[in-house]
Amino acid sequence: MSESHFIVSLHNGSWQHSNRGSTSAPFKSREAAIEAAIAEAQLSDDPEAEVIVQDPETSTETVWRWQQPDNPK
């Protein structure tokens, strides 16, 4: 399993994303945080990287994986 999980979450009213203890924030919207997390995941060059959104209710959803057929590396 990859250690390259880019987690997008809402914290104190602002969207952010984190990876390996490093947090990038704030983003004005969920979508902006997801786009930034995907961009960083692509730059990681980890073929197992993925972006996961953790919603306020603590449910999670994987929204991007490196291996996706439509991944424009």
PDB file of N, CA and C in Angstrom:
ATOM      1  N   MET A   1       0.838  -1.181   0.000  1.00  0.00           N
ATOM      2  CA  MET A   1       0.000   0.000   0.000  1.00  0.00           C
ATOM      3  C   MET A   1       0.883   1.246   0.000  1.00  0.00           C
ATOM      4  N   SER A   2       0.478   2.241  -0.726  1.00  0.00           N
ATOM      5  CA  SER A   2       1.229   3.473  -0.842  1.00  0.00           C
ATOM      6  C   SER A   2       1.164   4.306   0.425  1.00  0.00           C
ATOM      7  N   GLU A   3       2.221   5.056   0.648  1.00  0.00           N
ATOM      8  CA  GLU A   3       2.216   6.032   1.729  1.00  0.00           C
ATOM      9  C   GLU A   3       1.879   7.412   1.190  1.00  0.00           C
ATOM     10  N   SER A   4       1.628   7.517  -0.103  1.00  0.00           N
ATOM     11  CA  SER A   4       1.308   8.803  -0.717  1.00  0.00           C
ATOM     12  C   SER A   4      -0.193   9.017  -0.751  1.00  0.00           C
ATOM     13  N   HIS A   5      -0.738   9.293   0.412  1.00  0.00           N
ATOM     14  CA  HIS A   5      -2.145   9.643   0.524  1.00  0.00           C
ATOM     15  C   HIS A   5      -2.231  11.148   0.723  1.00  0.00           C
ATOM     16  N   PHE A   6      -2.905  11.806  -0.163  1.00  0.00           N
ATOM     17  CA  PHE A   6      -3.127  13.236  -0.054  1.00  0.00           C
ATOM     18  C   PHE A   6      -4.551  13.390   0.463  1.00  0.00           C
ATOM     19  N   ILE A   7      -4.677  13.815   1.715  1.00  0.00           N
ATOM     20  CA  ILE A   7      -5.964  13.865   2.384  1.00  0.00           C
ATOM     21  C   ILE A   7      -6.521  15.288   2.333  1.00  0.00           C
ATOM     22  N   VAL A   8      -7.707  15.433   1.746  1.00  0.00           N
ATOM     23  CA  VAL A   8      -8.399  16.715   1.668  1.00  0.00           C
ATOM     24  C   VAL A   8      -9.449  16.724   2.774  1.00  0.00           C
ATOM     25  N   SER A   9      -9.456  17.801   3.575  1.00  0.00           N
ATOM     26  CA  SER A   9     -10.414  17.861   4.682  1.00  0.00           C
ATOM     27  C   SER A   9     -10.765  19.310   5.006  1.00  0.00           C
ATOM     28  N   LEU A  10     -11.874  19.465   5.727  1.00  0.00           N
ATOM     29  CA  LEU A  10     -12.323  20.772   6.196  1.00  0.00           C
ATOM     30  C   LEU A  10     -11.845  20.929   7.627  1.00  0.00           C
ATOM     31  N   HIS A  11     -11.100  22.007   7.888  1.00  0.00           N
ATOM     32  CA  HIS A  11     -10.541  22.240   9.225  1.00  0.00           C
ATOM     33  C   HIS A  11     -10.761  23.699   9.598  1.00  0.00           C
ATOM     34  N   ASN A  12     -11.477  23.928  10.682  1.00  0.00           N
ATOM     35  CA  ASN A  12     -11.764  25.300  11.147  1.00  0.00           C
ATOM     36  C   ASN A  12     -12.352  26.183  10.048  1.00  0.00           C
ATOM     37  N   GLY A  13     -13.253  25.622   9.253  1.00  0.00           N
ATOM     38  CA  GLY A  13     -13.945  26.387   8.229  1.00  0.00           C
ATOM     39  C   GLY A  13     -13.209  26.570   6.914  1.00  0.00           C
ATOM     40  N   SER A  14     -12.008  26.013   6.785  1.00  0.00           N
ATOM     41  CA  SER A  14     -11.241  26.127   5.535  1.00  0.00           C
ATOM     42  C   SER A  14     -10.840  24.740   5.044  1.00  0.00           C
ATOM     43  N   TRP A  15     -10.847  24.584   3.733  1.00  0.00           N
ATOM     44  CA  TRP A  15     -10.402  23.320   3.145  1.00  0.00           C
ATOM     45  C   TRP A  15      -8.889  23.299   3.076  1.00  0.00           C
ATOM     46  N   GLN A  16      -8.321  22.123   3.279  1.00  0.00           N
ATOM     47  CA  GLN A  16      -6.869  21.940   3.235  1.00  0.00           C
ATOM     48  C   GLN A  16      -6.561  20.558   2.676  1.00  0.00           C
ATOM     49  N   HIS A  17      -5.293  20.332   2.358  1.00  0.00           N
ATOM     50  CA  HIS A  17      -4.874  18.966   2.056  1.00  0.00           C
ATOM     51  C   HIS A  17      -3.546  18.722   2.739  1.00  0.00           C
ATOM     52  N   SER A  18      -3.334  17.472   3.107  1.00  0.00           N
ATOM     53  CA  SER A  18      -2.108  17.120   3.812  1.00  0.00           C
ATOM     54  C   SER A  18      -1.530  15.835   3.236  1.00  0.00           C
ATOM     55  N   ASN A  19      -0.206  15.724   3.387  1.00  0.00           N
ATOM     56  CA  ASN A  19       0.506  14.536   2.942  1.00  0.00           C
ATOM     57  C   ASN A  19       1.748  14.393   3.802  1.00  0.00           C
ATOM     58  N   ARG A  20       1.860  13.243   4.447  1.00  0.00           N
ATOM     59  CA  ARG A  20       3.029  12.936   5.281  1.00  0.00           C
ATOM     60  C   ARG A  20       3.347  14.042   6.289  1.00  0.00           C
ATOM     61  N   GLY A  21       2.318  14.575   6.920  1.00  0.00           N
ATOM     62  CA  GLY A  21       2.506  15.573   7.959  1.00  0.00           C
ATOM     63  C   GLY A  21       2.606  17.009   7.481  1.00  0.00           C
ATOM     64  N   SER A  22       2.674  17.215   6.176  1.00  0.00           N
ATOM     65  CA  SER A  22       2.745  18.562   5.616  1.00  0.00           C
ATOM     66  C   SER A  22       1.358  18.990   5.162  1.00  0.00           C
ATOM     67  N   THR A  23       0.928  20.175   5.606  1.00  0.00           N
ATOM     68  CA  THR A  23      -0.413  20.659   5.280  1.00  0.00           C
ATOM     69  C   THR A  23      -0.342  21.877   4.385  1.00  0.00           C
ATOM     70  N   SER A  24      -1.185  21.889   3.347  1.00  0.00           N
ATOM     71  CA  SER A  24      -1.325  23.039   2.460  1.00  0.00           C
ATOM     72  C   SER A  24      -2.721  23.607   2.672  1.00  0.00           C
ATOM     73  N   ALA A  25      -2.806  24.897   3.014  1.00  0.00           N
ATOM     74  CA  ALA A  25      -4.098  25.510   3.295  1.00  0.00           C
ATOM     75  C   ALA A  25      -3.928  27.025   3.306  1.00  0.00           C
ATOM     76  N   PRO A  26      -4.975  27.780   3.314  1.00  0.00           N
ATOM     77  CA  PRO A  26      -6.364  27.374   3.142  1.00  0.00           C
ATOM     78  C   PRO A  26      -6.766  27.444   1.670  1.00  0.00           C
ATOM     79  N   PHE A  27      -7.814  26.734   1.356  1.00  0.00           N
ATOM     80  CA  PHE A  27      -8.412  26.790   0.028  1.00  0.00           C
ATOM     81  C   PHE A  27      -9.853  27.263   0.201  1.00  0.00           C
ATOM     82  N   LYS A  28     -10.337  28.039  -0.758  1.00  0.00           N
ATOM     83  CA  LYS A  28     -11.674  28.617  -0.640  1.00  0.00           C
ATOM     84  C   LYS A  28     -12.786  27.599  -0.830  1.00  0.00           C
ATOM     85  N   SER A  29     -12.459  26.489  -1.494  1.00  0.00           N
ATOM     86  CA  SER A  29     -13.497  25.493  -1.744  1.00  0.00           C
ATOM     87  C   SER A  29     -12.916  24.083  -1.689  1.00  0.00           C
ATOM     88  N   ARG A  30     -13.805  23.140  -1.546  1.00  0.00           N
ATOM     89  CA  ARG A  30     -13.435  21.719  -1.566  1.00  0.00           C
ATOM     90  C   ARG A  30     -12.753  21.385  -2.890  1.00  0.00           C
ATOM     91  N   GLU A  31     -13.352  21.885  -3.989  1.00  0.00           N
ATOM     92  CA  GLU A  31     -12.840  21.596  -5.321  1.00  0.00           C
ATOM     93  C   GLU A  31     -11.425  22.145  -5.514  1.00  0.00           C
ATOM     94  N   ALA A  32     -11.161  23.349  -4.997  1.00  0.00           N
ATOM     95  CA  ALA A  32      -9.828  23.934  -5.127  1.00  0.00           C
ATOM     96  C   ALA A  32      -8.799  23.104  -4.363  1.00  0.00           C
ATOM     97  N   ALA A  33      -9.173  22.620  -3.191  1.00  0.00           N
ATOM     98  CA  ALA A  33      -8.264  21.778  -2.404  1.00  0.00           C
ATOM     99  C   ALA A  33      -8.003  20.459  -3.116  1.00  0.00           C
ATOM    100  N   ILE A  34      -9.036  19.884  -3.723  1.00  0.00           N
ATOM    101  CA  ILE A  34      -8.874  18.629  -4.464  1.00  0.00           C
ATOM    102  C   ILE A  34      -7.947  18.833  -5.659  1.00  0.00           C
ATOM    103  N   GLU A  35      -8.163  19.907  -6.416  1.00  0.00           N
ATOM    104  CA  GLU A  35      -7.312  20.181  -7.581  1.00  0.00           C
ATOM    105  C   GLU A  35      -5.848  20.344  -7.175  1.00  0.00           C
ATOM    106  N   ALA A  36      -5.602  21.058  -6.077  1.00  0.00           N
ATOM    107  CA  ALA A  36      -4.228  21.264  -5.610  1.00  0.00           C
ATOM    108  C   ALA A  36      -3.620  19.944  -5.138  1.00  0.00           C
ATOM    109  N   ALA A  37      -4.411  19.128  -4.461  1.00  0.00           N
ATOM    110  CA  ALA A  37      -3.915  17.833  -3.983  1.00  0.00           C
ATOM    111  C   ALA A  37      -3.571  16.920  -5.158  1.00  0.00           C
ATOM    112  N   ILE A  38      -4.401  16.916  -6.190  1.00  0.00           N
ATOM    113  CA  ILE A  38      -4.119  16.103  -7.382  1.00  0.00           C
ATOM    114  C   ILE A  38      -2.832  16.574  -8.047  1.00  0.00           C
ATOM    115  N   ALA A  39      -2.664  17.887  -8.160  1.00  0.00           N
ATOM    116  CA  ALA A  39      -1.442  18.428  -8.777  1.00  0.00           C
ATOM    117  C   ALA A  39      -0.205  17.978  -7.999  1.00  0.00           C
ATOM    118  N   GLU A  40      -0.262  18.027  -6.672  1.00  0.00           N
ATOM    119  CA  GLU A  40       0.878  17.583  -5.868  1.00  0.00           C
ATOM    120  C   GLU A  40       1.082  16.074  -5.977  1.00  0.00           C
ATOM    121  N   ALA A  41      -0.002  15.327  -6.027  1.00  0.00           N
ATOM    122  CA  ALA A  41       0.104  13.872  -6.156  1.00  0.00           C
ATOM    123  C   ALA A  41       0.778  13.507  -7.478  1.00  0.00           C
ATOM    124  N   GLN A  42       0.429  14.208  -8.541  1.00  0.00           N
ATOM    125  CA  GLN A  42       1.054  13.953  -9.830  1.00  0.00           C
ATOM    126  C   GLN A  42       2.541  14.267  -9.788  1.00  0.00           C
ATOM    127  N   LEU A  43       2.919  15.319  -9.092  1.00  0.00           N
ATOM    128  CA  LEU A  43       4.327  15.690  -8.970  1.00  0.00           C
ATOM    129  C   LEU A  43       5.122  14.723  -8.096  1.00  0.00           C
ATOM    130  N   SER A  44       4.428  13.976  -7.251  1.00  0.00           N
ATOM    131  CA  SER A  44       5.120  13.050  -6.346  1.00  0.00           C
ATOM    132  C   SER A  44       5.791  11.916  -7.108  1.00  0.00           C
ATOM    133  N   ASP A  45       5.311  11.645  -8.300  1.00  0.00           N
ATOM    134  CA  ASP A  45       5.837  10.569  -9.145  1.00  0.00           C
ATOM    135  C   ASP A  45       5.699   9.196  -8.493  1.00  0.00           C
ATOM    136  N   ASP A  46       4.797   9.076  -7.529  1.00  0.00           N
ATOM    137  CA  ASP A  46       4.517   7.797  -6.882  1.00  0.00           C
ATOM    138  C   ASP A  46       3.371   7.133  -7.638  1.00  0.00           C
ATOM    139  N   PRO A  47       3.610   5.995  -8.280  1.00  0.00           N
ATOM    140  CA  PRO A  47       2.559   5.349  -9.065  1.00  0.00           C
ATOM    141  C   PRO A  47       1.387   4.846  -8.225  1.00  0.00           C
ATOM    142  N   GLU A  48       1.506   4.895  -6.908  1.00  0.00           N
ATOM    143  CA  GLU A  48       0.394   4.473  -6.043  1.00  0.00           C
ATOM    144  C   GLU A  48      -0.250   5.644  -5.316  1.00  0.00           C
ATOM    145  N   ALA A  49       0.097   6.879  -5.687  1.00  0.00           N
ATOM    146  CA  ALA A  49      -0.466   8.057  -5.028  1.00  0.00           C
ATOM    147  C   ALA A  49      -1.972   8.108  -5.226  1.00  0.00           C
ATOM    148  N   GLU A  50      -2.653   8.636  -4.204  1.00  0.00           N
ATOM    149  CA  GLU A  50      -4.093   8.816  -4.316  1.00  0.00           C
ATOM    150  C   GLU A  50      -4.530  10.013  -3.489  1.00  0.00           C
ATOM    151  N   VAL A  51      -5.651  10.611  -3.906  1.00  0.00           N
ATOM    152  CA  VAL A  51      -6.236  11.749  -3.203  1.00  0.00           C
ATOM    153  C   VAL A  51      -7.536  11.265  -2.580  1.00  0.00           C
ATOM    154  N   ILE A  52      -7.645  11.503  -1.275  1.00  0.00           N
ATOM    155  CA  ILE A  52      -8.801  11.052  -0.510  1.00  0.00           C
ATOM    156  C   ILE A  52      -9.447  12.266   0.142  1.00  0.00           C
ATOM    157  N   VAL A  53     -10.761  12.391   0.022  1.00  0.00           N
ATOM    158  CA  VAL A  53     -11.500  13.477   0.665  1.00  0.00           C
ATOM    159  C   VAL A  53     -12.148  12.930   1.923  1.00  0.00           C
ATOM    160  N   GLN A  54     -11.894  13.610   3.036  1.00  0.00           N
ATOM    161  CA  GLN A  54     -12.540  13.258   4.295  1.00  0.00           C
ATOM    162  C   GLN A  54     -13.554  14.355   4.587  1.00  0.00           C
ATOM    163  N   ASP A  55     -14.825  13.992   4.486  1.00  0.00           N
ATOM    164  CA  ASP A  55     -15.881  14.962   4.726  1.00  0.00           C
ATOM    165  C   ASP A  55     -16.094  15.159   6.221  1.00  0.00           C
ATOM    166  N   PRO A  56     -16.755  16.261   6.590  1.00  0.00           N
ATOM    167  CA  PRO A  56     -16.943  16.557   8.012  1.00  0.00           C
ATOM    168  C   PRO A  56     -17.588  15.419   8.811  1.00  0.00           C
ATOM    169  N   GLU A  57     -18.381  14.592   8.172  1.00  0.00           N
ATOM    170  CA  GLU A  57     -19.016  13.478   8.874  1.00  0.00           C
ATOM    171  C   GLU A  57     -18.057  12.305   9.047  1.00  0.00           C
ATOM    172  N   THR A  58     -16.804  12.482   8.703  1.00  0.00           N
ATOM    173  CA  THR A  58     -15.728  11.490   8.760  1.00  0.00           C
ATOM    174  C   THR A  58     -15.854  10.375   7.733  1.00  0.00           C
ATOM    175  N   SER A  59     -16.746  10.516   6.762  1.00  0.00           N
ATOM    176  CA  SER A  59     -16.755   9.548   5.670  1.00  0.00           C
ATOM    177  C   SER A  59     -15.620   9.922   4.716  1.00  0.00           C
ATOM    178  N   THR A  60     -15.076   8.926   4.037  1.00  0.00           N
ATOM    179  CA  THR A  60     -13.975   9.189   3.110  1.00  0.00           C
ATOM    180  C   THR A  60     -14.332   8.709   1.714  1.00  0.00           C
ATOM    181  N   GLU A  61     -13.718   9.358   0.729  1.00  0.00           N
ATOM    182  CA  GLU A  61     -13.923   8.990  -0.668  1.00  0.00           C
ATOM    183  C   GLU A  61     -12.622   9.214  -1.425  1.00  0.00           C
ATOM    184  N   THR A  62     -12.165   8.204  -2.132  1.00  0.00           N
ATOM    185  CA  THR A  62     -10.997   8.363  -2.997  1.00  0.00           C
ATOM    186  C   THR A  62     -11.473   9.022  -4.278  1.00  0.00           C
ATOM    187  N   VAL A  63     -10.897  10.193  -4.591  1.00  0.00           N
ATOM    188  CA  VAL A  63     -11.340  10.948  -5.760  1.00  0.00           C
ATOM    189  C   VAL A  63     -10.348  10.913  -6.911  1.00  0.00           C
ATOM    190  N   TRP A  64      -9.132  10.403  -6.651  1.00  0.00           N
ATOM    191  CA  TRP A  64      -8.120  10.317  -7.707  1.00  0.00           C
ATOM    192  C   TRP A  64      -7.093   9.265  -7.325  1.00  0.00           C
ATOM    193  N   ARG A  65      -6.696   8.455  -8.310  1.00  0.00           N
ATOM    194  CA  ARG A  65      -5.612   7.482  -8.149  1.00  0.00           C
ATOM    195  C   ARG A  65      -4.692   7.607  -9.342  1.00  0.00           C
ATOM    196  N   TRP A  66      -3.412   7.428  -9.097  1.00  0.00           N
ATOM    197  CA  TRP A  66      -2.418   7.516 -10.166  1.00  0.00           C
ATOM    198  C   TRP A  66      -2.735   6.561 -11.301  1.00  0.00           C
ATOM    199  N   GLN A  67      -3.155   5.342 -10.974  1.00  0.00           N
ATOM    200  CA  GLN A  67      -3.347   4.306 -11.993  1.00  0.00           C
ATOM    201  C   GLN A  67      -4.603   4.475 -12.829  1.00  0.00           C
ATOM    202  N   GLN A  68      -5.395   5.499 -12.575  1.00  0.00           N
ATOM    203  CA  GLN A  68      -6.615   5.668 -13.354  1.00  0.00           C
ATOM    204  C   GLN A  68      -6.280   5.813 -14.834  1.00  0.00           C
ATOM    205  N   PRO A  69      -7.040   5.137 -15.699  1.00  0.00           N
ATOM    206  CA  PRO A  69      -6.750   5.170 -17.134  1.00  0.00           C
ATOM    207  C   PRO A  69      -6.719   6.574 -17.723  1.00  0.00           C
ATOM    208  N   ASP A  70      -7.498   7.508 -17.155  1.00  0.00           N
ATOM    209  CA  ASP A  70      -7.558   8.850 -17.717  1.00  0.00           C
ATOM    210  C   ASP A  70      -6.550   9.802 -17.065  1.00  0.00           C
ATOM    211  N   ASN A  71      -5.616   9.261 -16.280  1.00  0.00           N
ATOM    212  CA  ASN A  71      -4.618  10.092 -15.617  1.00  0.00           C
ATOM    213  C   ASN A  71      -3.683  10.709 -16.655  1.00  0.00           C
ATOM    214  N   PRO A  72      -3.703  12.028 -16.786  1.00  0.00           N
ATOM    215  CA  PRO A  72      -2.865  12.684 -17.789  1.00  0.00           C
ATOM    216  C   PRO A  72      -1.465  13.024 -17.258  1.00  0.00           C
ATOM    217  N   LYS A  73      -0.644  12.016 -16.965  1.00  0.00           N
ATOM    218  CA  LYS A  73       0.687  12.279 -16.413  1.00  0.00           C
ATOM    219  C   LYS A  73       1.497  13.149 -17.325  1.00  0.00           C
TER     220      LYS A  73
END
